C-alpha atoms as a PDB file:
ATOM      1  CA  MET A   1      63.291 152.993  68.333  1.00  0.00           C
ATOM      2  CA  ASN A   2      62.461 149.208  68.334  1.00  0.00           C
ATOM      3  CA  SER A   3      61.305 147.456  65.131  1.00  0.00           C
ATOM      4  CA  GLY A   4      57.709 147.235  66.238  1.00  0.00           C
ATOM      5  CA  HIS A   5      57.388 150.845  66.834  1.00  0.00           C
ATOM      6  CA  ARG A   6      59.187 151.762  63.616  1.00  0.00           C
ATOM      7  CA  PHE A   7      56.608 149.631  61.739  1.00  0.00           C
ATOM      8  CA  GLY A   8      53.715 151.076  63.609  1.00  0.00           C
ATOM      9  CA  VAL A   9      54.825 154.576  62.615  1.00  0.00           C
ATOM     10  CA  TRP A  10      55.186 153.437  58.964  1.00  0.00           C
ATOM     11  CA  VAL A  11      51.691 151.815  58.797  1.00  0.00           C
ATOM     12  CA  PHE A  12      50.028 154.719  60.659  1.00  0.00           C
ATOM     13  CA  SER A  13      51.517 156.998  57.927  1.00  0.00           C
ATOM     14  CA  ALA A  14      50.212 154.760  55.269  1.00  0.00           C
ATOM     15  CA  LEU A  15      46.822 154.801  56.724  1.00  0.00           C
ATOM     16  CA  LEU A  16      46.654 158.493  56.704  1.00  0.00           C
ATOM     17  CA  THR A  17      48.428 159.259  53.335  1.00  0.00           C
ATOM     18  CA  GLY A  18      48.125 156.046  51.293  1.00  0.00           C
ATOM     19  CA  THR A  19      51.938 156.451  50.766  1.00  0.00           C
ATOM     20  CA  SER A  20      54.988 155.372  52.835  1.00  0.00           C
ATOM     21  CA  LEU A  21      57.816 157.809  53.776  1.00  0.00           C
ATOM     22  CA  LEU A  22      59.960 155.832  51.403  1.00  0.00           C
ATOM     23  CA  CYS A  23      57.877 155.370  48.354  1.00  0.00           C
ATOM     24  CA  ARG A  24      55.772 158.333  47.926  1.00  0.00           C
ATOM     25  CA  THR A  25      56.150 158.348  44.113  1.00  0.00           C
ATOM     26  CA  GLN A  26      55.609 154.705  43.383  1.00  0.00           C
ATOM     27  CA  THR A  27      52.424 153.285  41.821  1.00  0.00           C
ATOM     28  CA  LEU A  28      50.695 149.972  42.004  1.00  0.00           C
ATOM     29  CA  PRO A  29      52.731 147.244  39.933  1.00  0.00           C
ATOM     30  CA  PRO A  30      51.935 146.774  36.165  1.00  0.00           C
ATOM     31  CA  VAL A  31      50.125 143.743  34.951  1.00  0.00           C
ATOM     32  CA  PRO A  32      52.478 140.804  34.637  1.00  0.00           C
ATOM     33  CA  SER A  33      53.162 139.840  30.963  1.00  0.00           C
ATOM     34  CA  PRO A  34      51.905 136.321  31.017  1.00  0.00           C
ATOM     35  CA  GLY A  35      48.581 137.606  32.475  1.00  0.00           C
ATOM     36  CA  GLY A  36      48.248 140.080  29.760  1.00  0.00           C
ATOM     37  CA  GLU A  37      48.926 137.402  27.144  1.00  0.00           C
ATOM     38  CA  LEU A  38      46.185 135.187  28.719  1.00  0.00           C
ATOM     39  CA  GLU A  39      43.688 138.045  28.975  1.00  0.00           C
ATOM     40  CA  ARG A  40      44.175 138.733  25.226  1.00  0.00           C
ATOM     41  CA  PHE A  41      43.743 134.977  24.550  1.00  0.00           C
ATOM     42  CA  LEU A  42      40.448 134.935  26.519  1.00  0.00           C
ATOM     43  CA  SER A  43      39.245 137.938  25.002  1.00  0.00           C
ATOM     44  CA  ARG A  44      40.038 137.284  21.410  1.00  0.00           C
ATOM     45  CA  ALA A  45      40.460 133.476  20.775  1.00  0.00           C
ATOM     46  CA  GLU A  46      37.753 131.659  18.675  1.00  0.00           C
ATOM     47  CA  ILE A  47      35.165 129.660  20.710  1.00  0.00           C
ATOM     48  CA  THR A  48      35.188 126.191  19.545  1.00  0.00           C
ATOM     49  CA  SER A  49      32.765 124.702  22.045  1.00  0.00           C
ATOM     50  CA  VAL A  50      30.419 125.456  24.929  1.00  0.00           C
ATOM     51  CA  ASP A  51      29.527 122.985  27.575  1.00  0.00           C
ATOM     52  CA  LYS A  52      26.520 123.929  29.636  1.00  0.00           C
ATOM     53  CA  ALA A  53      26.553 120.829  31.776  1.00  0.00           C
ATOM     54  CA  LEU A  54      27.246 122.934  34.933  1.00  0.00           C
ATOM     55  CA  GLN A  55      24.365 125.214  34.203  1.00  0.00           C
ATOM     56  CA  SER A  56      22.279 123.852  37.103  1.00  0.00           C
ATOM     57  CA  GLY A  57      25.037 124.868  39.559  1.00  0.00           C
ATOM     58  CA  ARG A  58      24.880 127.559  41.915  1.00  0.00           C
ATOM     59  CA  THR A  59      26.495 130.015  39.716  1.00  0.00           C
ATOM     60  CA  SER A  60      25.302 128.355  36.352  1.00  0.00           C
ATOM     61  CA  ALA A  61      28.760 128.277  34.808  1.00  0.00           C
ATOM     62  CA  TRP A  62      29.579 127.049  31.319  1.00  0.00           C
ATOM     63  CA  ILE A  63      32.857 125.475  30.357  1.00  0.00           C
ATOM     64  CA  VAL A  64      34.074 127.210  27.116  1.00  0.00           C
ATOM     65  CA  THR A  65      36.867 125.940  24.961  1.00  0.00           C
ATOM     66  CA  LEU A  66      38.809 128.528  22.935  1.00  0.00           C
ATOM     67  CA  SER A  67      41.608 128.154  20.280  1.00  0.00           C
ATOM     68  CA  ASP A  68      43.816 130.640  18.662  1.00  0.00           C
ATOM     69  CA  GLY A  69      44.893 128.133  15.929  1.00  0.00           C
ATOM     70  CA  THR A  70      47.975 127.017  17.874  1.00  0.00           C
ATOM     71  CA  THR A  71      46.846 126.651  21.565  1.00  0.00           C
ATOM     72  CA  SER A  72      43.504 125.450  22.978  1.00  0.00           C
ATOM     73  CA  ARG A  73      42.402 126.366  26.485  1.00  0.00           C
ATOM     74  CA  ARG A  74      39.302 125.943  28.616  1.00  0.00           C
ATOM     75  CA  ALA A  75      37.610 128.716  30.715  1.00  0.00           C
ATOM     76  CA  PHE A  76      34.592 128.978  32.963  1.00  0.00           C
ATOM     77  CA  PHE A  77      31.968 131.451  31.844  1.00  0.00           C
ATOM     78  CA  LYS A  78      29.444 133.104  34.201  1.00  0.00           C
ATOM     79  CA  SER A  79      26.588 135.416  33.095  1.00  0.00           C
ATOM     80  CA  ILE A  80      24.541 136.016  35.983  1.00  0.00           C
ATOM     81  CA  ARG A  81      24.578 139.669  36.976  1.00  0.00           C
ATOM     82  CA  ARG A  82      22.537 140.051  40.058  1.00  0.00           C
ATOM     83  CA  ASN A  83      24.278 142.981  41.669  1.00  0.00           C
ATOM     84  CA  ARG A  84      23.328 144.674  45.020  1.00  0.00           C
ATOM     85  CA  PRO A  85      20.953 145.974  46.123  1.00  0.00           C
ATOM     86  CA  ALA A  86      19.411 142.679  44.993  1.00  0.00           C
ATOM     87  CA  PRO A  87      18.457 140.734  48.200  1.00  0.00           C
ATOM     88  CA  MET A  88      20.602 137.602  47.014  1.00  0.00           C
ATOM     89  CA  PRO A  89      23.517 139.145  45.123  1.00  0.00           C
ATOM     90  CA  ASP A  90      25.348 136.805  42.803  1.00  0.00           C
ATOM     91  CA  SER A  91      27.242 138.477  39.886  1.00  0.00           C
ATOM     92  CA  TYR A  92      30.024 137.889  37.355  1.00  0.00           C
ATOM     93  CA  ALA A  93      30.915 141.482  37.841  1.00  0.00           C
ATOM     94  CA  TYR A  94      32.313 140.608  41.356  1.00  0.00           C
ATOM     95  CA  GLU A  95      34.395 137.842  39.645  1.00  0.00           C
ATOM     96  CA  ILE A  96      36.042 140.457  37.335  1.00  0.00           C
ATOM     97  CA  ALA A  97      36.341 142.956  40.165  1.00  0.00           C
ATOM     98  CA  ALA A  98      38.250 140.411  42.295  1.00  0.00           C
ATOM     99  CA  TYR A  99      40.790 139.760  39.387  1.00  0.00           C
ATOM    100  CA  GLU A 100      41.240 143.255  38.645  1.00  0.00           C
ATOM    101  CA  LEU A 101      41.868 144.042  42.354  1.00  0.00           C
ATOM    102  CA  ASP A 102      44.269 141.076  42.620  1.00  0.00           C
ATOM    103  CA  LYS A 103      46.033 142.468  39.488  1.00  0.00           C
ATOM    104  CA  LEU A 104      46.466 146.077  40.989  1.00  0.00           C
ATOM    105  CA  LEU A 105      47.995 144.410  44.066  1.00  0.00           C
ATOM    106  CA  GLY A 106      50.432 142.411  41.945  1.00  0.00           C
ATOM    107  CA  LEU A 107      49.709 139.237  43.982  1.00  0.00           C
ATOM    108  CA  GLU A 108      48.452 136.744  41.234  1.00  0.00           C
ATOM    109  CA  LEU A 109      46.147 134.928  43.434  1.00  0.00           C
ATOM    110  CA  VAL A 110      43.103 134.842  41.146  1.00  0.00           C
ATOM    111  CA  PRO A 111      43.203 133.090  37.721  1.00  0.00           C
ATOM    112  CA  VAL A 112      43.028 135.514  34.756  1.00  0.00           C
ATOM    113  CA  THR A 113      39.406 136.658  34.211  1.00  0.00           C
ATOM    114  CA  VAL A 114      38.033 138.952  31.476  1.00  0.00           C
ATOM    115  CA  GLU A 115      34.614 140.137  30.393  1.00  0.00           C
ATOM    116  CA  ARG A 116      33.304 138.624  27.248  1.00  0.00           C
ATOM    117  CA  THR A 117      30.059 138.074  25.381  1.00  0.00           C
ATOM    118  CA  ILE A 118      29.232 134.402  24.443  1.00  0.00           C
ATOM    119  CA  GLU A 119      25.936 133.579  22.692  1.00  0.00           C
ATOM    120  CA  GLY A 120      24.485 136.942  23.415  1.00  0.00           C
ATOM    121  CA  ARG A 121      25.325 137.059  27.019  1.00  0.00           C
ATOM    122  CA  ARG A 122      27.861 139.249  28.717  1.00  0.00           C
ATOM    123  CA  GLY A 123      29.723 137.723  31.600  1.00  0.00           C
ATOM    124  CA  SER A 124      33.074 136.653  33.119  1.00  0.00           C
ATOM    125  CA  LEU A 125      35.290 134.197  31.406  1.00  0.00           C
ATOM    126  CA  GLN A 126      38.043 132.780  33.875  1.00  0.00           C
ATOM    127  CA  LEU A 127      40.903 130.683  32.865  1.00  0.00           C
ATOM    128  CA  PHE A 128      40.282 126.986  33.736  1.00  0.00           C
ATOM    129  CA  LEU A 129      43.417 125.517  35.502  1.00  0.00           C
ATOM    130  CA  GLU A 130      43.864 122.085  33.931  1.00  0.00           C
ATOM    131  CA  GLY A 131      44.507 119.314  36.334  1.00  0.00           C
ATOM    132  CA  ALA A 132      43.797 121.463  39.521  1.00  0.00           C
ATOM    133  CA  GLU A 133      42.441 119.830  42.728  1.00  0.00           C
ATOM    134  CA  SER A 134      40.693 121.685  45.644  1.00  0.00           C
ATOM    135  CA  GLU A 135      41.789 122.197  49.118  1.00  0.00           C
ATOM    136  CA  ARG A 136      38.962 120.156  50.285  1.00  0.00           C
ATOM    137  CA  SER A 137      40.243 117.265  48.099  1.00  0.00           C
ATOM    138  CA  ARG A 138      43.771 117.623  49.273  1.00  0.00           C
ATOM    139  CA  LEU A 139      42.667 117.404  52.989  1.00  0.00           C
ATOM    140  CA  ARG A 140      40.493 114.430  52.181  1.00  0.00           C
ATOM    141  CA  LYS A 141      43.309 112.737  50.463  1.00  0.00           C
ATOM    142  CA  ASN A 142      45.828 113.796  53.064  1.00  0.00           C
ATOM    143  CA  LEU A 143      48.099 115.252  50.390  1.00  0.00           C
ATOM    144  CA  GLN A 144      51.072 117.134  51.628  1.00  0.00           C
ATOM    145  CA  PRO A 145      52.799 119.899  49.587  1.00  0.00           C
ATOM    146  CA  PRO A 146      56.480 119.463  48.938  1.00  0.00           C
ATOM    147  CA  ASP A 147      57.064 122.887  50.526  1.00  0.00           C
ATOM    148  CA  PRO A 148      54.552 123.440  53.359  1.00  0.00           C
ATOM    149  CA  GLU A 149      55.879 126.758  54.399  1.00  0.00           C
ATOM    150  CA  ALA A 150      55.455 128.201  50.913  1.00  0.00           C
ATOM    151  CA  TYR A 151      52.087 126.767  50.580  1.00  0.00           C
ATOM    152  CA  ARG A 152      50.943 128.150  53.857  1.00  0.00           C
ATOM    153  CA  ASP A 153      52.424 131.534  52.832  1.00  0.00           C
ATOM    154  CA  ARG A 154      50.372 131.717  49.742  1.00  0.00           C
ATOM    155  CA  LEU A 155      47.140 130.554  51.748  1.00  0.00           C
ATOM    156  CA  ASP A 156      47.781 133.448  54.133  1.00  0.00           C
ATOM    157  CA  GLU A 157      47.949 135.841  51.272  1.00  0.00           C
ATOM    158  CA  ILE A 158      44.903 134.577  49.963  1.00  0.00           C
ATOM    159  CA  LEU A 159      43.271 135.037  53.344  1.00  0.00           C
ATOM    160  CA  VAL A 160      44.269 138.695  53.282  1.00  0.00           C
ATOM    161  CA  LEU A 161      42.674 139.146  49.919  1.00  0.00           C
ATOM    162  CA  GLU A 162      39.439 137.457  51.303  1.00  0.00           C
ATOM    163  CA  HIS A 163      39.310 140.087  54.010  1.00  0.00           C
ATOM    164  CA  LEU A 164      39.862 142.787  51.557  1.00  0.00           C
ATOM    165  CA  VAL A 165      36.828 141.606  49.260  1.00  0.00           C
ATOM    166  CA  CYS A 166      34.910 140.235  52.192  1.00  0.00           C
ATOM    167  CA  ALA A 167      34.595 136.733  50.796  1.00  0.00           C
ATOM    168  CA  PRO A 168      34.753 134.200  53.679  1.00  0.00           C
ATOM    169  CA  ARG A 169      36.316 130.922  52.846  1.00  0.00           C
ATOM    170  CA  LEU A 170      33.181 128.822  53.347  1.00  0.00           C
ATOM    171  CA  ASP A 171      33.934 126.260  50.832  1.00  0.00           C
ATOM    172  CA  LEU A 172      37.402 124.788  50.542  1.00  0.00           C
ATOM    173  CA  GLY A 173      36.648 123.947  47.023  1.00  0.00           C
ATOM    174  CA  ASP A 174      37.260 127.828  46.420  1.00  0.00           C
ATOM    175  CA  ILE A 175      41.051 127.103  46.974  1.00  0.00           C
ATOM    176  CA  ILE A 176      42.617 125.182  44.142  1.00  0.00           C
ATOM    177  CA  PHE A 177      45.993 124.182  43.105  1.00  0.00           C
ATOM    178  CA  ARG A 178      47.863 122.160  40.608  1.00  0.00           C
ATOM    179  CA  PRO A 179      49.929 119.176  41.864  1.00  0.00           C
ATOM    180  CA  ASP A 180      52.826 120.093  39.386  1.00  0.00           C
ATOM    181  CA  ASP A 181      53.504 123.409  41.053  1.00  0.00           C
ATOM    182  CA  TRP A 182      51.441 123.360  44.284  1.00  0.00           C
ATOM    183  CA  ARG A 183      50.437 127.089  44.022  1.00  0.00           C
ATOM    184  CA  PRO A 184      47.087 127.719  45.470  1.00  0.00           C
ATOM    185  CA  TRP A 185      44.532 130.060  43.757  1.00  0.00           C
ATOM    186  CA  ARG A 186      41.198 131.519  45.019  1.00  0.00           C
ATOM    187  CA  VAL A 187      38.098 131.227  42.752  1.00  0.00           C
ATOM    188  CA  ASP A 188      34.457 132.188  43.029  1.00  0.00           C
ATOM    189  CA  PHE A 189      33.932 135.601  44.059  1.00  0.00           C
ATOM    190  CA  SER A 190      30.458 136.036  42.756  1.00  0.00           C
ATOM    191  CA  GLU A 191      29.057 137.081  46.150  1.00  0.00           C
ATOM    192  CA  ALA A 192      32.034 139.132  47.355  1.00  0.00           C
ATOM    193  CA  PHE A 193      32.324 142.985  47.970  1.00  0.00           C
ATOM    194  CA  PRO A 194      29.426 143.510  50.122  1.00  0.00           C
ATOM    195  CA  PRO A 195      28.974 147.036  51.594  1.00  0.00           C
ATOM    196  CA  SER A 196      30.315 146.033  54.939  1.00  0.00           C
ATOM    197  CA  ALA A 197      33.200 148.030  56.563  1.00  0.00           C
ATOM    198  CA  ALA A 198      34.281 144.973  58.693  1.00  0.00           C
ATOM    199  CA  LEU A 199      36.743 142.191  58.651  1.00  0.00           C
ATOM    200  CA  LEU A 200      35.729 138.553  58.433  1.00  0.00           C
ATOM    201  CA  PRO A 201      35.019 137.430  62.028  1.00  0.00           C
ATOM    202  CA  GLU A 202      35.246 133.765  61.050  1.00  0.00           C
ATOM    203  CA  CYS A 203      38.558 134.053  59.415  1.00  0.00           C
ATOM    204  CA  VAL A 204      41.309 135.061  61.850  1.00  0.00           C
ATOM    205  CA  LEU A 205      44.087 137.249  60.354  1.00  0.00           C
ATOM    206  CA  GLU A 206      47.415 136.142  61.796  1.00  0.00           C
ATOM    207  CA  ARG A 207      50.036 136.820  59.207  1.00  0.00           C
ATOM    208  CA  CYS A 208      50.784 138.888  56.240  1.00  0.00           C
ATOM    209  CA  SER A 209      53.535 138.662  53.323  1.00  0.00           C
ATOM    210  CA  ARG A 210      55.698 141.868  53.031  1.00  0.00           C
ATOM    211  CA  ARG A 211      54.618 142.201  49.514  1.00  0.00           C
ATOM    212  CA  ALA A 212      50.866 142.220  50.335  1.00  0.00           C
ATOM    213  CA  LEU A 213      51.653 144.742  53.014  1.00  0.00           C
ATOM    214  CA  THR A 214      53.387 147.037  50.505  1.00  0.00           C
ATOM    215  CA  ALA A 215      50.584 146.732  48.015  1.00  0.00           C
ATOM    216  CA  LEU A 216      48.105 147.770  50.686  1.00  0.00           C
ATOM    217  CA  SER A 217      50.061 150.509  52.054  1.00  0.00           C
ATOM    218  CA  SER A 218      52.921 152.351  50.118  1.00  0.00           C
ATOM    219  CA  LYS A 219      51.656 151.358  46.646  1.00  0.00           C
ATOM    220  CA  TRP A 220      47.906 151.628  47.237  1.00  0.00           C
ATOM    221  CA  ASP A 221      46.093 154.452  45.478  1.00  0.00           C
ATOM    222  CA  ASP A 222      42.415 154.964  46.272  1.00  0.00           C
ATOM    223  CA  ALA A 223      41.649 156.859  43.073  1.00  0.00           C
ATOM    224  CA  ALA A 224      43.334 154.018  40.839  1.00  0.00           C
ATOM    225  CA  VAL A 225      41.305 151.334  42.612  1.00  0.00           C
ATOM    226  CA  ARG A 226      38.037 153.423  42.245  1.00  0.00           C
ATOM    227  CA  GLU A 227      38.674 154.015  38.563  1.00  0.00           C
ATOM    228  CA  ARG A 228      39.676 150.214  37.879  1.00  0.00           C
ATOM    229  CA  LEU A 229      36.510 148.863  39.761  1.00  0.00           C
ATOM    230  CA  LYS A 230      33.843 151.434  39.197  1.00  0.00           C
ATOM    231  CA  ALA A 231      32.343 149.428  36.287  1.00  0.00           C
ATOM    232  CA  TYR A 232      31.786 146.500  38.508  1.00  0.00           C
ATOM    233  CA  LEU A 233      31.067 147.929  42.136  1.00  0.00           C
ATOM    234  CA  ASN A 234      28.691 150.486  43.294  1.00  0.00           C
ATOM    235  CA  PRO A 235      29.779 153.533  45.398  1.00  0.00           C
ATOM    236  CA  ALA A 236      28.885 151.822  48.696  1.00  0.00           C
ATOM    237  CA  GLU A 237      30.697 148.569  47.733  1.00  0.00           C
ATOM    238  CA  LEU A 238      33.761 150.637  46.834  1.00  0.00           C
ATOM    239  CA  GLU A 239      33.794 152.676  49.897  1.00  0.00           C
ATOM    240  CA  ALA A 240      33.471 149.496  52.008  1.00  0.00           C
ATOM    241  CA  LEU A 241      36.455 148.003  50.131  1.00  0.00           C
ATOM    242  CA  LEU A 242      38.519 151.057  50.910  1.00  0.00           C
ATOM    243  CA  GLN A 243      37.621 150.994  54.630  1.00  0.00           C
ATOM    244  CA  ARG A 244      38.411 147.214  54.953  1.00  0.00           C
ATOM    245  CA  ARG A 245      41.861 147.883  53.476  1.00  0.00           C
ATOM    246  CA  ARG A 246      42.472 150.430  56.408  1.00  0.00           C
ATOM    247  CA  LEU A 247      41.114 147.836  58.833  1.00  0.00           C
ATOM    248  CA  ILE A 248      43.620 145.262  57.625  1.00  0.00           C
ATOM    249  CA  LEU A 249      46.510 147.601  58.006  1.00  0.00           C
ATOM    250  CA  ALA A 250      45.431 148.531  61.463  1.00  0.00           C
ATOM    251  CA  GLU A 251      45.059 144.697  62.298  1.00  0.00           C
ATOM    252  CA  ILE A 252      48.634 144.075  60.906  1.00  0.00           C
ATOM    253  CA  LYS A 253      50.010 147.020  62.995  1.00  0.00           C
ATOM    254  CA  ARG A 254      48.190 145.624  66.089  1.00  0.00           C
ATOM    255  CA  LEU A 255      49.696 142.060  65.569  1.00  0.00           C
ATOM    256  CA  VAL A 256      53.168 143.314  64.982  1.00  0.00           C
ATOM    257  CA  GLU A 257      53.165 145.286  68.178  1.00  0.00           C
ATOM    258  CA  GLU A 258      51.829 142.276  70.165  1.00  0.00           C
ATOM    259  CA  LYS A 259      53.972 139.411  68.453  1.00  0.00           C
ATOM    260  CA  GLY A 260      56.759 141.242  66.737  1.00  0.00           C
ATOM    261  CA  GLU A 261      57.615 141.499  62.940  1.00  0.00           C
ATOM    262  CA  GLU A 262      59.173 137.998  62.687  1.00  0.00           C
ATOM    263  CA  ALA A 263      56.105 136.346  63.911  1.00  0.00           C
ATOM    264  CA  VAL A 264      53.650 138.112  61.428  1.00  0.00           C
ATOM    265  CA  LEU A 265      55.553 139.355  58.418  1.00  0.00           C
ATOM    266  CA  TYR A 266      57.029 137.077  55.959  1.00  0.00           C
ATOM    267  CA  ARG A 267      58.429 137.114  52.375  1.00  0.00           C
ATOM    268  CA  PRO A 268      57.807 137.395  49.607  1.00  0.00           C
END
């Protein structure tokens, strides 16, 4: 049996059962310790200042400064919660859902985000990545990452996540990185998770990391995803998410059969 066919059988089994033949008893990876520590900080640290200068922006974000007496950090706070079926959905709940889903997948592509009440408003509080630049800025300045392959690999993982939550990369300002480590992150999911069981037509899926594939197949658990996201997504949004996951696996299977594993799958 050639490698492409073996992969096809494996993915087909994952599509039907949600578990691979080799990893039936595994569960989704636990929350990494650093993320957990940052979650606790954002949830419990004292708020020392609130800057509302960005309130006129599209998402009306505030910049909040927090301190635990030893460390001071900044974070973005969004309190708009205009969930579907609103005609123009824009909600902090989708920001939290994207982070929680990313955490379940174990990919760490979305900055730490928690739910918190500030000045009587409930919203999402997302860690501000100090010194970060956007992908738009990188291209404008013609900045080149020291390891272009690693940078591209992570961008392709972000693309898989964008398909999963149905958030097209319309603004390259939504991809940010810090020049000290050149690790791209995806921000701004306030309009994600539409009840659309289709992949993004404007964002072609060409490659997938092996860890993302594993997270979407052998380690995926529909019940766990529903339980984690039910506070933020309605039933139609949840069902569409589960269907998009199956479509992504089917597309990866098709690409592997057409181009071979080496051209499609990569590590990590």
